[in-house]
């Protein structure tokens, strides 16, 4: 159970990571040697494949074959943690890990300990949320500072929250309220609810307000009514919300408008970053510039989304990219088994074993 803390507004500090430089793309050769691709160059880091790799914007973290947490930051390979098992979580430039009971965060000045005894924690693009077991609070690490947003009452279970890119919602069972943390302040999102039905995204939060049975969206401080009845499902992304209405129609909220996408519930749909995708009548569709667009008249075997970019395999397993209405054939090599979209780069291993990276319209190779 939670009890919200008073209003807090913070303006100092800096983001842990910047997004100015090109994304660091990890790769592993056919001989299991590990390295990174950045700004058109391949650089080998390890003679052996890491246990786990965490792509992280213009930085990268990985657990080496020896079990050491290492990072590639500003062109340098650094040791972040030695000798002890860690639980690592990353998201678009934010990197945090749990070492024993401590929570540590990577900053431009190196690793810092944020809390000495934590329970659960989550990491999003601009914030880290965690349960401080010493102070019995739900805390947020945001813009270089850590501060409590809610008290966790004694003899209760761990706090429950949902975090989006820059939004955090948590439920106070006793007060029957859902609270929202956004840009340094905490406020009541809705009252008189028995449980919180919310989806947190970037600058938007979709939620069902049971106090008056209205489906709403919080959009950059403004609350907007979407539907008078509870939707079947809903999901928030970066500035958009996709949902299936009570009548089964697929709709999308974006730029203060509700757009009808389909009159009937699709086979499936997903919202990730600034993209909504759905399968309808055996076709993969999306929303571009306020209009429905058919990406392919079949359902690709697999696809990946980053920002507004969609990478997928066609029927011949050739790699393609769809970006804001533009269609790009990445390679005519058929039978590509696996691929990974990392930031603005697409990487895969060719059938001959060569590591390939598509970046800004050009394919780079590493043998």
Protein backbone atom coordinates (compact mmCIF):
# COMPACT_ATOMS: atom_id res chain seq x y z
CA UNK A 1 0.00 0.00 0.00
CA UNK A 2 1.18 3.48 -0.81
CA UNK A 3 0.60 6.95 0.50
CA UNK A 4 1.58 9.67 -1.92
CA UNK A 5 4.20 12.20 -0.92
CA UNK A 6 3.54 15.95 -1.29
CA UNK A 7 4.17 17.80 -4.54
CA UNK A 8 7.81 17.83 -5.63
CA UNK A 9 9.38 19.85 -8.40
CA UNK A 10 13.04 19.45 -9.38
CA UNK A 11 14.90 21.30 -12.08
CA UNK A 12 18.56 20.61 -11.39
CA UNK A 13 20.77 17.77 -12.58
CA UNK A 14 21.35 16.24 -15.98
CA UNK A 15 20.22 13.15 -17.81
CA UNK A 16 22.41 10.13 -17.26
CA UNK A 17 23.05 9.73 -20.96
CA UNK A 18 22.73 11.87 -24.05
CA UNK A 19 21.39 10.72 -27.41
CA UNK A 20 23.53 12.93 -29.65
CA UNK A 21 25.93 10.26 -30.89
CA UNK A 22 24.94 7.40 -33.15
CA UNK A 23 23.66 4.23 -31.52
CA UNK A 24 26.26 1.69 -30.44
CA UNK A 25 25.46 -1.58 -32.22
CA UNK A 26 26.81 -4.82 -30.69
CA UNK A 27 27.91 -7.70 -32.88
CA UNK A 28 29.36 -11.20 -32.45
CA UNK A 29 31.38 -12.80 -35.23
CA UNK A 30 31.07 -16.40 -36.38
CA UNK A 31 34.19 -17.06 -34.24
CA UNK A 32 32.36 -15.63 -31.18
CA UNK A 33 34.50 -12.49 -30.98
CA UNK A 34 32.55 -9.51 -29.66
CA UNK A 35 32.63 -5.88 -30.72
CA UNK A 36 30.65 -2.76 -31.52
CA UNK A 37 29.76 -0.75 -34.61
CA UNK A 38 29.48 3.03 -34.33
CA UNK A 39 29.72 5.87 -36.82
CA UNK A 40 30.68 3.57 -39.68
CA UNK A 41 33.45 1.72 -37.80
CA UNK A 42 33.75 -1.77 -36.30
CA UNK A 43 35.74 -2.13 -33.09
CA UNK A 44 36.52 -5.40 -31.36
CA UNK A 45 36.11 -5.40 -27.56
CA UNK A 46 36.32 -9.01 -26.37
CA UNK A 47 37.89 -12.22 -27.67
CA UNK A 48 34.92 -14.18 -26.34
CA UNK A 49 31.18 -13.72 -26.59
CA UNK A 50 29.61 -11.97 -23.53
CA UNK A 51 27.04 -13.74 -21.41
CA UNK A 52 24.51 -10.94 -21.95
CA UNK A 53 24.48 -7.71 -23.96
CA UNK A 54 22.40 -4.61 -23.18
CA UNK A 55 22.14 -2.18 -26.14
CA UNK A 56 21.62 1.23 -24.59
CA UNK A 57 21.46 4.16 -27.00
CA UNK A 58 24.85 5.74 -27.58
CA UNK A 59 26.32 3.59 -24.79
CA UNK A 60 26.36 -0.17 -24.34
CA UNK A 61 26.65 -2.52 -21.36
CA UNK A 62 27.43 -6.22 -21.23
CA UNK A 63 28.33 -8.99 -18.84
CA UNK A 64 31.60 -10.51 -20.03
CA UNK A 65 32.33 -14.21 -20.29
CA UNK A 66 34.06 -13.88 -16.89
CA UNK A 67 30.91 -12.41 -15.32
CA UNK A 68 32.13 -8.80 -15.11
CA UNK A 69 29.77 -5.92 -15.88
CA UNK A 70 31.42 -3.73 -18.51
CA UNK A 71 30.33 -0.78 -20.61
CA UNK A 72 31.30 0.97 -23.82
CA UNK A 73 31.01 4.71 -23.18
CA UNK A 74 32.28 7.57 -25.34
CA UNK A 75 34.52 5.25 -27.31
CA UNK A 76 36.05 3.53 -24.28
CA UNK A 77 35.48 0.09 -22.71
CA UNK A 78 35.09 0.42 -18.94
CA UNK A 79 34.70 -2.03 -16.05
CA UNK A 80 31.56 -1.11 -14.11
CA UNK A 81 31.31 -3.96 -11.61
CA UNK A 82 33.61 -6.83 -10.70
CA UNK A 83 33.27 -10.08 -8.81
CA UNK A 84 29.60 -10.04 -7.85
CA UNK A 85 26.49 -11.07 -9.71
CA UNK A 86 24.34 -8.14 -10.81
CA UNK A 87 20.80 -7.63 -12.11
CA UNK A 88 20.95 -5.15 -14.99
CA UNK A 89 18.14 -3.14 -16.57
CA UNK A 90 18.48 -0.59 -19.37
CA UNK A 91 16.28 1.59 -21.53
CA UNK A 92 17.30 4.03 -24.25
CA UNK A 93 20.20 5.66 -22.45
CA UNK A 94 19.45 4.80 -18.81
CA UNK A 95 21.46 2.01 -17.19
CA UNK A 96 20.99 0.71 -13.64
CA UNK A 97 21.84 -2.49 -11.83
CA UNK A 98 21.25 -4.21 -8.51
CA UNK A 99 24.40 -5.40 -6.78
CA UNK A 100 23.45 -7.35 -3.67
CA UNK A 101 20.89 -5.02 -2.08
CA UNK A 102 22.35 -1.84 -3.61
CA UNK A 103 21.02 0.05 -6.60
CA UNK A 104 23.67 1.62 -8.81
CA UNK A 105 23.18 3.92 -11.78
CA UNK A 106 25.62 4.79 -14.55
CA UNK A 107 26.08 8.53 -15.01
CA UNK A 108 28.40 10.72 -17.04
CA UNK A 109 30.64 10.85 -13.92
CA UNK A 110 30.72 7.07 -13.46
CA UNK A 111 28.67 4.63 -11.40
CA UNK A 112 26.85 6.01 -8.34
CA UNK A 113 24.99 4.20 -5.56
CA UNK A 114 21.42 5.46 -5.41
CA UNK A 115 20.09 3.25 -2.60
CA UNK A 116 21.75 0.80 -0.20
CA UNK A 117 18.78 -1.52 0.24
CA UNK A 118 16.15 -1.95 -2.45
CA UNK A 119 13.46 -4.39 -3.44
CA UNK A 120 12.07 -4.26 -6.97
CA UNK A 121 13.18 -1.65 -9.49
CA UNK A 122 12.39 -0.64 -13.06
CA UNK A 123 14.28 1.40 -15.65
CA UNK A 124 12.82 3.66 -18.33
CA UNK A 125 14.29 6.23 -20.69
CA UNK A 126 14.48 9.10 -18.21
CA UNK A 127 13.73 7.58 -14.81
CA UNK A 128 14.43 4.69 -12.48
CA UNK A 129 11.73 3.65 -10.00
CA UNK A 130 12.59 1.52 -6.97
CA UNK A 131 11.34 0.34 -3.59
CA UNK A 132 13.55 1.78 -0.85
CA UNK A 133 13.39 -0.85 1.91
CA UNK A 134 15.15 1.32 4.50
CA UNK A 135 12.87 4.35 4.26
CA UNK A 136 9.85 2.26 3.17
CA UNK A 137 9.20 4.51 0.19
CA UNK A 138 8.69 4.29 -3.53
CA UNK A 139 11.46 6.40 -5.02
CA UNK A 140 12.27 7.87 -8.40
CA UNK A 141 15.74 8.63 -9.73
CA UNK A 142 15.22 11.43 -12.26
CA UNK A 143 17.59 13.98 -13.73
CA UNK A 144 20.44 12.97 -11.48
CA UNK A 145 18.47 13.07 -8.22
CA UNK A 146 16.68 10.46 -6.13
CA UNK A 147 13.60 11.36 -4.11
CA UNK A 148 10.50 9.64 -2.64
CA UNK A 149 7.11 9.92 -4.32
CA UNK A 150 5.10 7.67 -1.97
CA UNK A 151 5.29 6.08 1.47
CA UNK A 152 4.99 2.31 1.66
CA UNK A 153 2.93 1.53 4.73
CA UNK A 154 4.20 -0.96 7.33
CA UNK A 155 3.25 -4.63 7.08
CA UNK A 156 2.11 -4.31 3.47
CA UNK A 157 3.24 -5.87 0.24
CA UNK A 158 5.77 -4.27 -2.07
CA UNK A 159 4.48 -1.22 -3.95
CA UNK A 160 3.04 -1.68 -7.40
CA UNK A 161 3.70 0.76 -10.20
CA UNK A 162 3.81 1.10 -13.96
CA UNK A 163 6.41 3.24 -15.67
CA UNK A 164 6.56 4.62 -19.19
CA UNK A 165 9.21 6.60 -20.98
CA UNK A 166 8.82 9.59 -18.65
CA UNK A 167 5.67 8.74 -16.67
CA UNK A 168 5.08 6.70 -13.52
CA UNK A 169 1.74 5.62 -12.03
CA UNK A 170 1.17 4.00 -8.64
CA UNK A 171 -1.92 2.93 -6.71
CA UNK A 172 -2.80 3.86 -3.12
CA UNK A 173 -5.13 1.06 -2.02
CA UNK A 174 -6.26 2.73 1.21
CA UNK A 175 -7.09 6.05 -0.42
CA UNK A 176 -8.42 4.33 -3.58
CA UNK A 177 -6.40 6.71 -5.72
CA UNK A 178 -4.06 6.40 -8.66
CA UNK A 179 -1.16 8.86 -8.61
CA UNK A 180 0.93 10.08 -11.51
CA UNK A 181 4.55 11.23 -11.44
CA UNK A 182 5.41 13.36 -14.48
CA UNK A 183 8.26 15.80 -15.06
CA UNK A 184 9.16 16.13 -11.39
CA UNK A 185 5.69 16.47 -9.87
CA UNK A 186 3.19 14.05 -8.35
CA UNK A 187 -0.58 14.44 -8.70
CA UNK A 188 -3.78 12.42 -8.40
CA UNK A 189 -4.70 10.84 -11.71
CA UNK A 190 -8.06 9.44 -10.60
CA UNK A 191 -10.11 8.95 -7.40
CA UNK A 192 -12.42 6.28 -6.05
CA UNK A 193 -10.94 3.27 -7.84
CA UNK A 194 -10.51 -0.28 -6.54
CA UNK A 195 -7.56 -0.95 -8.80
CA UNK A 196 -5.68 1.04 -11.40
CA UNK A 197 -6.24 0.38 -15.08
CA UNK A 198 -3.53 2.44 -16.73
CA UNK A 199 -0.98 2.27 -19.54
CA UNK A 200 2.03 4.57 -19.24
CA UNK A 201 3.87 5.96 -22.23
CA UNK A 202 5.91 8.95 -23.28
CA UNK A 203 4.14 12.21 -22.27
CA UNK A 204 0.82 10.31 -22.29
CA UNK A 205 -1.00 8.00 -19.89
CA UNK A 206 -4.16 6.16 -20.87
CA UNK A 207 -6.44 5.24 -17.99
CA UNK A 208 -9.92 4.12 -17.06
CA UNK A 209 -11.46 6.46 -14.48
CA UNK A 210 -13.95 4.29 -12.60
CA UNK A 211 -15.23 7.24 -10.58
CA UNK A 212 -17.33 8.32 -13.59
CA UNK A 213 -16.81 5.35 -15.95
CA UNK A 214 -14.81 7.35 -18.49
CA UNK A 215 -11.81 6.30 -20.52
CA UNK A 216 -9.33 9.19 -20.58
CA UNK A 217 -5.84 10.15 -21.64
CA UNK A 218 -3.41 12.38 -19.80
CA UNK A 219 -1.51 14.26 -22.51
CA UNK A 220 1.29 16.61 -21.39
CA UNK A 221 -0.74 17.87 -18.43
CA UNK A 222 -4.12 17.93 -20.17
CA UNK A 223 -6.87 15.37 -19.45
CA UNK A 224 -8.98 14.39 -22.43
CA UNK A 225 -12.09 12.19 -22.53
CA UNK A 226 -11.83 9.43 -25.14
CA UNK A 227 -14.75 7.04 -24.56
CA UNK A 228 -17.79 6.89 -22.22
CA UNK A 229 -17.31 3.13 -21.76
CA UNK A 230 -14.34 0.99 -20.79
CA UNK A 231 -12.32 -0.23 -23.79
CA UNK A 232 -11.58 -3.90 -24.31
CA UNK A 233 -7.84 -3.13 -24.23
CA UNK A 234 -5.50 -0.16 -24.56
CA UNK A 235 -1.81 0.58 -24.83
CA UNK A 236 0.21 3.82 -24.69
CA UNK A 237 3.38 4.70 -26.63
CA UNK A 238 5.31 7.87 -27.37
CA UNK A 239 2.54 10.43 -27.65
CA UNK A 240 -0.01 7.91 -28.94
CA UNK A 241 -2.59 5.51 -27.49
CA UNK A 242 -4.05 2.54 -29.32
CA UNK A 243 -7.20 0.83 -28.07
CA UNK A 244 -10.07 -1.48 -28.93
CA UNK A 245 -13.32 0.23 -27.98
CA UNK A 246 -16.27 -1.35 -26.19
CA UNK A 247 -17.85 -1.89 -29.64
CA UNK A 248 -14.76 -3.72 -30.89
CA UNK A 249 -13.41 -0.92 -33.11
CA UNK A 250 -9.67 -0.25 -33.28
CA UNK A 251 -8.85 3.39 -32.63
CA UNK A 252 -5.80 5.55 -32.04
CA UNK A 253 -5.37 8.79 -30.12
CA UNK A 254 -2.62 11.11 -31.36
CA UNK A 255 -2.17 14.88 -31.53
CA UNK A 256 -5.44 15.54 -29.66
CA UNK A 257 -7.42 13.50 -32.20
CA UNK A 258 -9.09 10.08 -32.15
CA UNK A 259 -8.60 8.24 -35.44
CA UNK A 260 -10.68 5.20 -36.43
CA UNK A 261 -8.41 2.48 -37.80
CA UNK A 262 -10.76 -0.47 -38.20
CA UNK A 263 -14.46 -1.08 -37.54
CA UNK A 264 -13.78 -4.50 -36.09
CA UNK A 265 -11.21 -5.79 -33.63
CA UNK A 266 -7.99 -6.75 -35.45
CA UNK A 267 -6.33 -10.14 -35.21
CA UNK A 268 -3.70 -8.42 -33.07
CA UNK A 269 -2.29 -4.95 -32.48
CA UNK A 270 0.66 -3.42 -30.68
CA UNK A 271 1.89 0.04 -29.70
CA UNK A 272 5.61 0.62 -29.37
CA UNK A 273 7.45 3.93 -29.34
CA UNK A 274 5.57 6.15 -31.84
CA UNK A 275 4.22 3.26 -33.93
CA UNK A 276 0.94 1.38 -33.87
CA UNK A 277 0.83 -1.88 -35.85
CA UNK A 278 -2.05 -4.24 -36.39
CA UNK A 279 -2.94 -7.34 -38.39
CA UNK A 280 -6.20 -7.11 -40.32
CA UNK A 281 -7.45 -9.54 -42.97
CA UNK A 282 -3.99 -11.07 -43.30
CA UNK A 283 -2.28 -7.70 -43.83
CA UNK A 284 0.14 -5.72 -41.66
CA UNK A 285 -1.01 -2.12 -41.26
CA UNK A 286 0.13 1.04 -39.54
CA UNK A 287 -0.83 4.68 -39.10
CA UNK A 288 1.30 7.27 -40.92
CA UNK A 289 0.58 11.01 -41.03
CA UNK A 290 -2.95 10.40 -39.77
CA UNK A 291 -3.80 7.85 -42.46
CA UNK A 292 -3.94 4.04 -42.51
CA UNK A 293 -1.18 2.49 -44.61
CA UNK A 294 -0.67 -1.14 -45.59
CA UNK A 295 2.95 -2.12 -44.95
CA UNK A 296 2.53 -5.53 -46.55
CA UNK A 297 -0.42 -7.56 -47.83
CA UNK A 298 0.83 -10.48 -45.79
CA UNK A 299 1.99 -10.91 -42.19
CA UNK A 300 5.80 -10.92 -41.93
CA UNK A 301 7.37 -13.72 -39.94
CA UNK A 302 8.92 -11.20 -37.56
CA UNK A 303 9.38 -7.46 -37.17
CA UNK A 304 11.02 -4.96 -34.83
CA UNK A 305 10.22 -1.33 -33.98
CA UNK A 306 12.47 1.48 -32.82
CA UNK A 307 11.24 5.07 -32.78
CA UNK A 308 9.25 5.41 -36.01
CA UNK A 309 11.25 2.73 -37.85
CA UNK A 310 9.89 -0.77 -38.56
CA UNK A 311 12.24 -3.53 -39.74
CA UNK A 312 10.92 -6.89 -40.96
CA UNK A 313 11.52 -9.90 -43.20
CA UNK A 314 9.59 -10.30 -46.43
CA UNK A 315 8.34 -13.64 -47.75
CA UNK A 316 11.84 -14.51 -48.96
CA UNK A 317 13.34 -13.46 -45.62
CA UNK A 318 14.96 -10.45 -47.20
CA UNK A 319 15.24 -7.48 -44.85
CA UNK A 320 13.12 -4.40 -45.35
CA UNK A 321 12.45 -1.16 -43.48
CA UNK A 322 9.30 0.94 -43.36
CA UNK A 323 9.81 4.47 -42.04
CA UNK A 324 7.10 7.14 -42.13
CA UNK A 325 5.73 5.89 -45.45
CA UNK A 326 9.13 5.24 -47.04
CA UNK A 327 9.97 1.66 -48.01
CA UNK A 328 13.59 0.52 -48.07
CA UNK A 329 15.00 -2.79 -49.31
CA UNK A 330 17.96 -3.30 -46.97
CA UNK A 331 19.36 -6.41 -48.61
CA UNK A 332 18.36 -8.75 -51.43
CA UNK A 333 20.06 -11.62 -49.65
CA UNK A 334 17.35 -14.22 -49.04
CA UNK A 335 17.05 -16.50 -46.06
CA UNK A 336 18.27 -14.13 -43.35
CA UNK A 337 17.69 -16.06 -40.14
CA UNK A 338 17.87 -13.32 -37.51
CA UNK A 339 18.18 -9.56 -37.37
CA UNK A 340 18.23 -6.84 -34.73
CA UNK A 341 17.10 -3.22 -34.99
CA UNK A 342 19.29 -1.16 -32.66
CA UNK A 343 18.48 2.53 -32.74
CA UNK A 344 18.82 3.73 -36.34
CA UNK A 345 20.87 0.70 -37.41
CA UNK A 346 19.88 -2.79 -38.54
CA UNK A 347 22.30 -5.66 -38.01
CA UNK A 348 22.35 -9.29 -39.09
CA UNK A 349 24.75 -12.12 -39.96
CA UNK A 350 24.79 -13.15 -43.60
CA UNK A 351 24.55 -16.75 -44.70
CA UNK A 352 28.33 -16.69 -45.31
CA UNK A 353 28.95 -15.69 -41.66
CA UNK A 354 29.76 -12.03 -42.36
CA UNK A 355 28.47 -9.46 -39.86
CA UNK A 356 26.49 -6.76 -41.65
CA UNK A 357 25.08 -3.45 -40.45
CA UNK A 358 22.74 -1.18 -42.40
CA UNK A 359 23.07 2.43 -41.29
CA UNK A 360 21.89 5.59 -43.05
CA UNK A 361 21.31 3.85 -46.34
CA UNK A 362 24.64 2.00 -46.52
CA UNK A 363 25.58 -1.59 -45.63
CA UNK A 364 28.83 -2.11 -43.70
CA UNK A 365 30.53 -5.52 -43.49
CA UNK A 366 32.86 -7.13 -40.98
CA UNK A 367 34.49 -10.47 -41.80
